[in-house]
Amino acid sequence: MARSLEPLVVGKVIGEVLDMYNPVTEFTVHYGSKQIANGCEIKPSAAVQMPSVQILGSRLASNLYTLVMVDPDAPSPSEPKWREWLHWIVVDIPEGFDATKGNQVVPYMGPQPPTGIHRYVFALFKQRDGLTGRIRGPDGRGNFNTRQFAAENGLGLPVAAVYFNSQKEPGVKKR
């Protein structure tokens, strides 16, 4: 059974980052042994390394997926609020496999929240066909828009999403 959308609505992921969608695919995101659940807290130091992202389903299926990771709480003051900071894009992930089996368009960058609590959103889109060679990464990581990216690449609405919260860790005080 696909995840409930309620935590994504309460966390304002649906509305600010994604449109309402029908969750039809399951995927898991792990940083080490910790599985991401909507709204959980992950320290930036625990998310430096690329997470393990597993698309659940049959390895015999021919479905391909695109994974996008963004921080919607980190726009620069000169950018509109609906712009996001891009952390990762992987395309052509086969159903039943880990994201490492896909093609990385934008390399992974861990959370780096400057102040306050930031949401980090993983959105999964089902592809109509392969995107490798037909898609190029954006010019930069700032000023990204997940909805616009999905529309430009014929991805439509997401099929699954999950998010976690992170905030700057206190520095080690030197004596």
N, C-alpha and C. Protein backbone atom coordinates (compact mmCIF):
# COMPACT_ATOMS: atom_id res chain seq x y z
N MET A 1 0.85 -1.19 0.00
CA MET A 1 0.00 0.00 0.00
C MET A 1 0.88 1.24 0.00
N ALA A 2 0.61 2.18 -0.87
CA ALA A 2 1.40 3.40 -0.98
C ALA A 2 1.20 4.26 0.26
N ARG A 3 2.17 5.10 0.51
CA ARG A 3 2.15 5.97 1.68
C ARG A 3 1.00 6.97 1.64
N SER A 4 0.58 7.37 2.82
CA SER A 4 -0.44 8.41 2.95
C SER A 4 0.16 9.76 2.55
N LEU A 5 -0.65 10.61 1.96
CA LEU A 5 -0.21 11.94 1.57
C LEU A 5 -0.33 12.95 2.71
N GLU A 6 -1.05 12.58 3.77
CA GLU A 6 -1.30 13.53 4.86
C GLU A 6 -0.02 14.19 5.40
N PRO A 7 1.04 13.43 5.71
CA PRO A 7 2.25 14.09 6.23
C PRO A 7 2.88 15.07 5.23
N LEU A 8 2.71 14.79 3.94
CA LEU A 8 3.25 15.70 2.92
C LEU A 8 2.42 16.97 2.82
N VAL A 9 1.12 16.87 3.09
CA VAL A 9 0.24 18.04 3.10
C VAL A 9 0.52 18.86 4.35
N VAL A 10 0.58 18.21 5.50
CA VAL A 10 0.84 18.90 6.77
C VAL A 10 2.21 19.59 6.73
N GLY A 11 3.22 18.92 6.15
CA GLY A 11 4.55 19.49 6.03
C GLY A 11 4.70 20.49 4.90
N LYS A 12 3.60 20.77 4.21
CA LYS A 12 3.53 21.73 3.11
C LYS A 12 4.42 21.37 1.92
N VAL A 13 4.82 20.09 1.82
CA VAL A 13 5.54 19.64 0.64
C VAL A 13 4.59 19.66 -0.54
N ILE A 14 3.37 19.12 -0.31
CA ILE A 14 2.33 19.25 -1.33
C ILE A 14 1.77 20.65 -1.16
N GLY A 15 1.86 21.40 -2.18
CA GLY A 15 1.47 22.80 -2.15
C GLY A 15 2.66 23.68 -2.49
N GLU A 16 3.75 23.54 -1.75
CA GLU A 16 4.92 24.38 -2.00
C GLU A 16 5.90 23.75 -3.00
N VAL A 17 6.01 22.42 -3.01
CA VAL A 17 6.99 21.76 -3.89
C VAL A 17 6.29 20.92 -4.95
N LEU A 18 5.30 20.15 -4.54
CA LEU A 18 4.62 19.22 -5.42
C LEU A 18 3.13 19.50 -5.44
N ASP A 19 2.49 19.12 -6.55
CA ASP A 19 1.04 19.16 -6.63
C ASP A 19 0.50 17.86 -6.04
N MET A 20 -0.78 17.86 -5.69
CA MET A 20 -1.42 16.64 -5.20
C MET A 20 -1.28 15.55 -6.25
N TYR A 21 -0.98 14.34 -5.79
CA TYR A 21 -0.77 13.22 -6.72
C TYR A 21 -1.31 11.95 -6.11
N ASN A 22 -1.36 10.90 -6.91
CA ASN A 22 -1.80 9.59 -6.46
C ASN A 22 -0.56 8.73 -6.17
N PRO A 23 -0.28 8.38 -4.92
CA PRO A 23 0.92 7.59 -4.61
C PRO A 23 0.75 6.14 -5.07
N VAL A 24 1.42 5.79 -6.15
CA VAL A 24 1.25 4.45 -6.73
C VAL A 24 2.52 3.61 -6.67
N THR A 25 3.63 4.18 -6.24
CA THR A 25 4.90 3.46 -6.17
C THR A 25 5.47 3.64 -4.77
N GLU A 26 6.18 2.63 -4.31
CA GLU A 26 6.87 2.70 -3.02
C GLU A 26 8.37 2.80 -3.25
N PHE A 27 9.03 3.60 -2.42
CA PHE A 27 10.48 3.61 -2.41
C PHE A 27 10.95 3.92 -1.01
N THR A 28 12.17 3.50 -0.72
CA THR A 28 12.74 3.75 0.60
C THR A 28 14.02 4.56 0.44
N VAL A 29 14.28 5.40 1.44
CA VAL A 29 15.50 6.20 1.48
C VAL A 29 16.16 5.92 2.82
N HIS A 30 17.42 5.50 2.78
CA HIS A 30 18.18 5.21 4.00
C HIS A 30 19.48 6.01 4.02
N TYR A 31 19.74 6.64 5.15
CA TYR A 31 21.07 7.19 5.44
C TYR A 31 21.66 6.24 6.47
N GLY A 32 22.59 5.41 6.03
CA GLY A 32 23.11 4.38 6.91
C GLY A 32 21.97 3.43 7.25
N SER A 33 21.78 3.17 8.53
CA SER A 33 20.72 2.24 8.95
C SER A 33 19.39 2.96 9.20
N LYS A 34 19.36 4.29 9.09
CA LYS A 34 18.13 5.04 9.39
C LYS A 34 17.30 5.24 8.13
N GLN A 35 16.06 4.73 8.18
CA GLN A 35 15.13 4.93 7.07
C GLN A 35 14.41 6.26 7.26
N ILE A 36 14.30 7.02 6.18
CA ILE A 36 13.62 8.31 6.22
C ILE A 36 12.11 8.10 6.28
N ALA A 37 11.50 8.78 7.23
CA ALA A 37 10.04 8.84 7.34
C ALA A 37 9.67 10.31 7.27
N ASN A 38 8.51 10.62 6.72
CA ASN A 38 8.10 12.01 6.55
C ASN A 38 8.23 12.79 7.85
N GLY A 39 8.98 13.89 7.79
CA GLY A 39 9.12 14.79 8.92
C GLY A 39 10.17 14.40 9.94
N CYS A 40 10.87 13.28 9.75
CA CYS A 40 11.89 12.90 10.72
C CYS A 40 13.07 13.87 10.63
N GLU A 41 13.91 13.86 11.63
CA GLU A 41 15.07 14.75 11.67
C GLU A 41 16.33 13.97 11.37
N ILE A 42 17.14 14.50 10.47
CA ILE A 42 18.44 13.93 10.12
C ILE A 42 19.48 15.04 10.26
N LYS A 43 20.55 14.77 10.97
CA LYS A 43 21.62 15.76 11.10
C LYS A 43 22.40 15.83 9.79
N PRO A 44 22.83 17.03 9.40
CA PRO A 44 23.62 17.15 8.18
C PRO A 44 24.83 16.21 8.16
N SER A 45 25.46 16.02 9.31
CA SER A 45 26.64 15.14 9.36
C SER A 45 26.29 13.68 9.07
N ALA A 46 25.02 13.31 9.28
CA ALA A 46 24.58 11.93 9.01
C ALA A 46 24.15 11.76 7.56
N ALA A 47 24.10 12.86 6.81
CA ALA A 47 23.62 12.80 5.43
C ALA A 47 24.64 13.31 4.42
N VAL A 48 25.91 13.28 4.82
CA VAL A 48 26.97 13.73 3.91
C VAL A 48 27.09 12.79 2.72
N GLN A 49 27.02 11.49 3.00
CA GLN A 49 27.13 10.49 1.93
C GLN A 49 25.77 10.29 1.26
N MET A 50 25.80 9.98 -0.02
CA MET A 50 24.59 9.71 -0.79
C MET A 50 23.77 8.62 -0.12
N PRO A 51 22.46 8.82 0.00
CA PRO A 51 21.63 7.80 0.64
C PRO A 51 21.41 6.61 -0.29
N SER A 52 20.95 5.53 0.31
CA SER A 52 20.50 4.37 -0.47
C SER A 52 19.02 4.58 -0.76
N VAL A 53 18.68 4.62 -2.05
CA VAL A 53 17.29 4.83 -2.46
C VAL A 53 16.87 3.61 -3.26
N GLN A 54 15.91 2.87 -2.74
CA GLN A 54 15.44 1.62 -3.36
C GLN A 54 14.03 1.81 -3.90
N ILE A 55 13.87 1.57 -5.21
CA ILE A 55 12.54 1.60 -5.82
C ILE A 55 11.96 0.20 -5.64
N LEU A 56 10.86 0.09 -4.91
CA LEU A 56 10.28 -1.22 -4.66
C LEU A 56 9.48 -1.67 -5.87
N GLY A 57 9.46 -2.97 -6.11
CA GLY A 57 8.72 -3.51 -7.24
C GLY A 57 9.50 -4.66 -7.86
N SER A 58 8.99 -5.15 -8.96
CA SER A 58 9.58 -6.30 -9.63
C SER A 58 10.80 -5.90 -10.45
N ARG A 59 11.87 -6.63 -10.30
CA ARG A 59 13.07 -6.38 -11.11
C ARG A 59 12.85 -6.80 -12.56
N LEU A 60 11.75 -7.51 -12.81
CA LEU A 60 11.44 -7.93 -14.18
C LEU A 60 10.65 -6.86 -14.93
N ALA A 61 10.15 -5.87 -14.20
CA ALA A 61 9.37 -4.79 -14.83
C ALA A 61 10.30 -3.92 -15.69
N SER A 62 9.73 -3.24 -16.65
CA SER A 62 10.54 -2.37 -17.52
C SER A 62 10.37 -0.90 -17.17
N ASN A 63 9.75 -0.60 -16.03
CA ASN A 63 9.51 0.78 -15.62
C ASN A 63 10.81 1.47 -15.22
N LEU A 64 10.92 2.74 -15.59
CA LEU A 64 12.06 3.57 -15.22
C LEU A 64 11.55 4.78 -14.44
N TYR A 65 12.40 5.29 -13.53
CA TYR A 65 12.00 6.39 -12.65
C TYR A 65 13.07 7.47 -12.60
N THR A 66 12.62 8.68 -12.28
CA THR A 66 13.50 9.83 -12.03
C THR A 66 13.33 10.23 -10.57
N LEU A 67 14.46 10.46 -9.91
CA LEU A 67 14.49 10.91 -8.52
C LEU A 67 15.04 12.32 -8.46
N VAL A 68 14.33 13.20 -7.76
CA VAL A 68 14.77 14.57 -7.57
C VAL A 68 14.79 14.85 -6.07
N MET A 69 15.88 15.45 -5.58
CA MET A 69 15.98 15.85 -4.17
C MET A 69 16.20 17.36 -4.12
N VAL A 70 15.34 18.05 -3.37
CA VAL A 70 15.43 19.51 -3.26
C VAL A 70 15.25 19.98 -1.82
N ASP A 71 15.72 21.20 -1.58
CA ASP A 71 15.48 21.91 -0.34
C ASP A 71 14.64 23.14 -0.69
N PRO A 72 13.33 23.11 -0.37
CA PRO A 72 12.48 24.25 -0.72
C PRO A 72 12.62 25.43 0.25
N ASP A 73 13.42 25.27 1.28
CA ASP A 73 13.54 26.32 2.30
C ASP A 73 14.83 27.12 2.17
N ALA A 74 15.55 26.94 1.07
CA ALA A 74 16.85 27.59 0.93
C ALA A 74 16.98 28.53 -0.26
N PRO A 75 15.90 29.21 -0.68
CA PRO A 75 16.10 30.15 -1.79
C PRO A 75 16.86 31.38 -1.31
N SER A 76 17.55 32.00 -2.25
CA SER A 76 18.24 33.24 -1.89
C SER A 76 17.18 34.33 -1.71
N PRO A 77 17.53 35.39 -0.99
CA PRO A 77 16.54 36.46 -0.75
C PRO A 77 16.03 37.09 -2.05
N SER A 78 16.80 37.02 -3.13
CA SER A 78 16.38 37.65 -4.38
C SER A 78 15.49 36.73 -5.22
N GLU A 79 15.34 35.47 -4.82
CA GLU A 79 14.55 34.52 -5.60
C GLU A 79 13.15 34.37 -4.99
N PRO A 80 12.16 34.05 -5.84
CA PRO A 80 10.82 33.80 -5.31
C PRO A 80 10.80 32.59 -4.39
N LYS A 81 9.88 32.56 -3.48
CA LYS A 81 9.78 31.48 -2.49
C LYS A 81 9.54 30.12 -3.13
N TRP A 82 8.95 30.06 -4.32
CA TRP A 82 8.64 28.77 -4.92
C TRP A 82 9.84 28.15 -5.62
N ARG A 83 10.99 28.74 -5.52
CA ARG A 83 12.20 28.16 -6.08
C ARG A 83 12.90 27.33 -5.02
N GLU A 84 13.59 26.31 -5.47
CA GLU A 84 14.21 25.37 -4.54
C GLU A 84 15.71 25.29 -4.81
N TRP A 85 16.43 24.70 -3.85
CA TRP A 85 17.85 24.40 -4.02
C TRP A 85 17.93 22.92 -4.38
N LEU A 86 18.54 22.65 -5.51
CA LEU A 86 18.63 21.29 -6.03
C LEU A 86 19.79 20.54 -5.38
N HIS A 87 19.51 19.33 -4.89
CA HIS A 87 20.54 18.51 -4.25
C HIS A 87 20.91 17.26 -5.05
N TRP A 88 20.01 16.80 -5.94
CA TRP A 88 20.32 15.54 -6.61
C TRP A 88 19.28 15.26 -7.69
N ILE A 89 19.71 14.75 -8.85
CA ILE A 89 18.80 14.22 -9.87
C ILE A 89 19.41 12.93 -10.41
N VAL A 90 18.59 11.87 -10.40
CA VAL A 90 18.98 10.59 -11.00
C VAL A 90 17.84 10.17 -11.93
N VAL A 91 18.18 9.79 -13.18
CA VAL A 91 17.17 9.35 -14.15
C VAL A 91 17.40 7.89 -14.51
N ASP A 92 16.41 7.30 -15.13
CA ASP A 92 16.49 5.92 -15.65
C ASP A 92 16.81 4.90 -14.55
N ILE A 93 16.20 5.06 -13.37
CA ILE A 93 16.36 4.08 -12.30
C ILE A 93 15.37 2.95 -12.58
N PRO A 94 15.86 1.72 -12.76
CA PRO A 94 14.92 0.61 -13.04
C PRO A 94 14.13 0.22 -11.80
N GLU A 95 12.86 -0.12 -12.01
CA GLU A 95 12.01 -0.59 -10.91
C GLU A 95 12.66 -1.81 -10.26
N GLY A 96 12.60 -1.86 -8.92
CA GLY A 96 13.15 -2.98 -8.18
C GLY A 96 14.63 -2.83 -7.84
N PHE A 97 15.22 -1.68 -8.22
CA PHE A 97 16.65 -1.48 -8.00
C PHE A 97 16.93 -0.22 -7.20
N ASP A 98 18.18 -0.05 -6.81
CA ASP A 98 18.67 1.11 -6.10
C ASP A 98 18.98 2.22 -7.10
N ALA A 99 18.98 3.46 -6.62
CA ALA A 99 19.25 4.62 -7.48
C ALA A 99 20.63 4.56 -8.13
N THR A 100 21.56 3.79 -7.57
CA THR A 100 22.89 3.68 -8.18
C THR A 100 22.82 3.01 -9.55
N LYS A 101 21.72 2.34 -9.86
CA LYS A 101 21.54 1.70 -11.18
C LYS A 101 21.04 2.69 -12.22
N GLY A 102 20.68 3.90 -11.77
CA GLY A 102 20.24 4.95 -12.70
C GLY A 102 21.43 5.78 -13.15
N ASN A 103 21.14 6.85 -13.85
CA ASN A 103 22.16 7.77 -14.34
C ASN A 103 22.04 9.11 -13.63
N GLN A 104 23.10 9.49 -12.93
CA GLN A 104 23.11 10.72 -12.16
C GLN A 104 23.26 11.91 -13.11
N VAL A 105 22.29 12.81 -13.10
CA VAL A 105 22.34 14.02 -13.93
C VAL A 105 22.96 15.16 -13.14
N VAL A 106 22.60 15.25 -11.87
CA VAL A 106 23.18 16.22 -10.94
C VAL A 106 23.71 15.42 -9.75
N PRO A 107 25.01 15.51 -9.45
CA PRO A 107 25.58 14.73 -8.35
C PRO A 107 24.97 15.09 -7.00
N TYR A 108 24.96 14.10 -6.11
CA TYR A 108 24.40 14.28 -4.77
C TYR A 108 25.18 15.33 -3.99
N MET A 109 24.44 16.15 -3.26
CA MET A 109 25.00 17.11 -2.32
C MET A 109 24.17 17.01 -1.05
N GLY A 110 24.80 16.75 0.07
CA GLY A 110 24.10 16.59 1.34
C GLY A 110 23.51 17.90 1.84
N PRO A 111 22.67 17.81 2.87
CA PRO A 111 22.05 19.00 3.46
C PRO A 111 23.08 19.97 4.03
N GLN A 112 22.84 21.24 3.81
CA GLN A 112 23.70 22.29 4.36
C GLN A 112 22.84 23.46 4.81
N PRO A 113 21.92 23.21 5.75
CA PRO A 113 21.01 24.30 6.17
C PRO A 113 21.78 25.39 6.90
N PRO A 114 21.69 26.65 6.43
CA PRO A 114 22.43 27.72 7.08
C PRO A 114 21.83 28.12 8.43
N THR A 115 20.51 28.27 8.49
CA THR A 115 19.83 28.61 9.74
C THR A 115 18.43 28.01 9.69
N GLY A 116 17.87 27.77 10.83
CA GLY A 116 16.51 27.26 10.91
C GLY A 116 16.39 25.82 10.44
N ILE A 117 15.15 25.35 10.41
CA ILE A 117 14.86 23.97 9.98
C ILE A 117 14.54 23.98 8.50
N HIS A 118 15.18 23.08 7.77
CA HIS A 118 14.95 22.95 6.33
C HIS A 118 14.38 21.58 6.02
N ARG A 119 13.45 21.56 5.05
CA ARG A 119 12.89 20.29 4.56
C ARG A 119 13.71 19.84 3.35
N TYR A 120 13.99 18.55 3.31
CA TYR A 120 14.68 17.96 2.16
C TYR A 120 13.74 16.93 1.57
N VAL A 121 13.31 17.18 0.32
CA VAL A 121 12.25 16.42 -0.32
C VAL A 121 12.83 15.51 -1.40
N PHE A 122 12.45 14.24 -1.35
CA PHE A 122 12.76 13.28 -2.41
C PHE A 122 11.45 13.05 -3.17
N ALA A 123 11.43 13.40 -4.45
CA ALA A 123 10.25 13.17 -5.29
C ALA A 123 10.60 12.15 -6.36
N LEU A 124 9.73 11.17 -6.54
CA LEU A 124 9.95 10.10 -7.50
C LEU A 124 8.92 10.22 -8.62
N PHE A 125 9.39 10.20 -9.86
CA PHE A 125 8.53 10.31 -11.04
C PHE A 125 8.71 9.08 -11.91
N LYS A 126 7.61 8.56 -12.45
CA LYS A 126 7.68 7.45 -13.39
C LYS A 126 7.90 8.03 -14.79
N GLN A 127 8.87 7.49 -15.48
CA GLN A 127 9.19 7.96 -16.83
C GLN A 127 8.37 7.22 -17.88
N ARG A 128 8.13 7.88 -18.99
CA ARG A 128 7.46 7.23 -20.12
C ARG A 128 8.47 6.40 -20.92
N ASP A 129 9.72 6.89 -20.98
CA ASP A 129 10.80 6.17 -21.65
C ASP A 129 12.14 6.67 -21.09
N GLY A 130 13.25 6.15 -21.62
CA GLY A 130 14.56 6.53 -21.11
C GLY A 130 14.86 8.01 -21.33
N LEU A 131 15.54 8.62 -20.36
CA LEU A 131 15.88 10.03 -20.45
C LEU A 131 17.37 10.28 -20.66
N THR A 132 18.21 9.27 -20.42
CA THR A 132 19.64 9.47 -20.57
C THR A 132 19.94 9.97 -21.98
N GLY A 133 20.73 11.03 -22.06
CA GLY A 133 21.09 11.60 -23.34
C GLY A 133 20.07 12.62 -23.84
N ARG A 134 18.87 12.61 -23.29
CA ARG A 134 17.83 13.55 -23.71
C ARG A 134 17.58 14.62 -22.66
N ILE A 135 18.25 14.52 -21.56
CA ILE A 135 18.02 15.46 -20.45
C ILE A 135 19.37 16.02 -20.03
N ARG A 136 19.37 17.28 -19.70
CA ARG A 136 20.60 17.84 -19.17
C ARG A 136 20.27 18.51 -17.85
N GLY A 137 21.25 18.53 -17.00
CA GLY A 137 21.05 19.15 -15.71
C GLY A 137 20.89 20.66 -15.84
N PRO A 138 20.29 21.28 -14.85
CA PRO A 138 20.14 22.73 -14.86
C PRO A 138 21.52 23.40 -14.78
N ASP A 139 21.56 24.68 -15.09
CA ASP A 139 22.82 25.43 -15.08
C ASP A 139 23.42 25.53 -13.68
N GLY A 140 22.58 25.54 -12.67
CA GLY A 140 23.07 25.62 -11.30
C GLY A 140 22.10 24.91 -10.37
N ARG A 141 22.43 24.90 -9.10
CA ARG A 141 21.57 24.22 -8.12
C ARG A 141 20.50 25.14 -7.56
N GLY A 142 20.75 26.43 -7.57
CA GLY A 142 19.77 27.39 -7.07
C GLY A 142 18.72 27.67 -8.11
N ASN A 143 17.62 28.29 -7.68
CA ASN A 143 16.56 28.72 -8.59
C ASN A 143 15.96 27.55 -9.36
N PHE A 144 15.87 26.39 -8.73
CA PHE A 144 15.31 25.19 -9.35
C PHE A 144 13.82 25.12 -9.01
N ASN A 145 13.05 24.48 -9.88
CA ASN A 145 11.63 24.30 -9.63
C ASN A 145 11.26 22.88 -10.05
N THR A 146 10.88 22.05 -9.09
CA THR A 146 10.57 20.64 -9.35
C THR A 146 9.43 20.50 -10.34
N ARG A 147 8.36 21.27 -10.15
CA ARG A 147 7.21 21.19 -11.07
C ARG A 147 7.62 21.52 -12.50
N GLN A 148 8.41 22.58 -12.66
CA GLN A 148 8.85 23.00 -13.99
C GLN A 148 9.76 21.93 -14.62
N PHE A 149 10.67 21.38 -13.83
CA PHE A 149 11.56 20.31 -14.32
C PHE A 149 10.74 19.12 -14.80
N ALA A 150 9.75 18.71 -14.01
CA ALA A 150 8.90 17.58 -14.39
C ALA A 150 8.14 17.87 -15.68
N ALA A 151 7.61 19.07 -15.80
CA ALA A 151 6.84 19.44 -17.00
C ALA A 151 7.74 19.46 -18.23
N GLU A 152 8.92 20.06 -18.10
CA GLU A 152 9.84 20.17 -19.24
C GLU A 152 10.33 18.81 -19.73
N ASN A 153 10.33 17.81 -18.85
CA ASN A 153 10.86 16.50 -19.21
C ASN A 153 9.77 15.43 -19.34
N GLY A 154 8.51 15.87 -19.42
CA GLY A 154 7.40 14.96 -19.66
C GLY A 154 7.18 13.95 -18.55
N LEU A 155 7.47 14.34 -17.32
CA LEU A 155 7.36 13.40 -16.19
C LEU A 155 5.98 13.40 -15.54
N GLY A 156 5.22 14.46 -15.70
CA GLY A 156 3.91 14.52 -15.07
C GLY A 156 4.02 14.67 -13.56
N LEU A 157 3.00 14.15 -12.86
CA LEU A 157 2.98 14.22 -11.40
C LEU A 157 3.87 13.15 -10.80
N PRO A 158 4.35 13.38 -9.56
CA PRO A 158 5.15 12.33 -8.92
C PRO A 158 4.30 11.09 -8.63
N VAL A 159 4.97 9.98 -8.39
CA VAL A 159 4.28 8.74 -8.00
C VAL A 159 4.58 8.39 -6.55
N ALA A 160 5.54 9.10 -5.94
CA ALA A 160 5.88 8.89 -4.54
C ALA A 160 6.76 10.06 -4.08
N ALA A 161 6.76 10.33 -2.78
CA ALA A 161 7.61 11.37 -2.22
C ALA A 161 7.79 11.11 -0.73
N VAL A 162 8.90 11.58 -0.20
CA VAL A 162 9.18 11.52 1.23
C VAL A 162 10.10 12.71 1.54
N TYR A 163 10.03 13.21 2.79
CA TYR A 163 10.91 14.32 3.15
C TYR A 163 11.39 14.16 4.59
N PHE A 164 12.53 14.81 4.86
CA PHE A 164 13.03 14.87 6.24
C PHE A 164 13.40 16.30 6.54
N ASN A 165 13.55 16.59 7.83
CA ASN A 165 13.97 17.91 8.29
C ASN A 165 15.41 17.85 8.73
N SER A 166 16.10 18.98 8.59
CA SER A 166 17.48 19.07 9.04
C SER A 166 17.77 20.51 9.43
N GLN A 167 18.65 20.68 10.40
CA GLN A 167 19.07 22.02 10.79
C GLN A 167 20.55 22.02 11.09
N LYS A 168 21.13 23.19 11.02
CA LYS A 168 22.57 23.34 11.24
C LYS A 168 22.94 22.78 12.60
N GLU A 169 24.03 22.01 12.61
CA GLU A 169 24.50 21.45 13.87
C GLU A 169 25.37 22.47 14.58
N PRO A 170 25.31 22.50 15.91
CA PRO A 170 26.19 23.44 16.64
C PRO A 170 27.64 23.06 16.42
N GLY A 171 28.47 24.07 16.25
CA GLY A 171 29.91 23.83 16.05
C GLY A 171 30.56 23.39 17.33
N VAL A 172 31.71 22.77 17.19
CA VAL A 172 32.48 22.37 18.36
C VAL A 172 33.20 23.61 18.86
N LYS A 173 32.98 23.90 20.14
CA LYS A 173 33.60 25.10 20.72
C LYS A 173 35.03 24.79 21.14
N LYS A 174 35.95 25.68 20.74
CA LYS A 174 37.36 25.52 21.11
C LYS A 174 37.63 26.34 22.36
N ARG A 175 38.45 25.81 23.24
CA ARG A 175 38.79 26.52 24.46
C ARG A 175 40.14 27.15 24.35
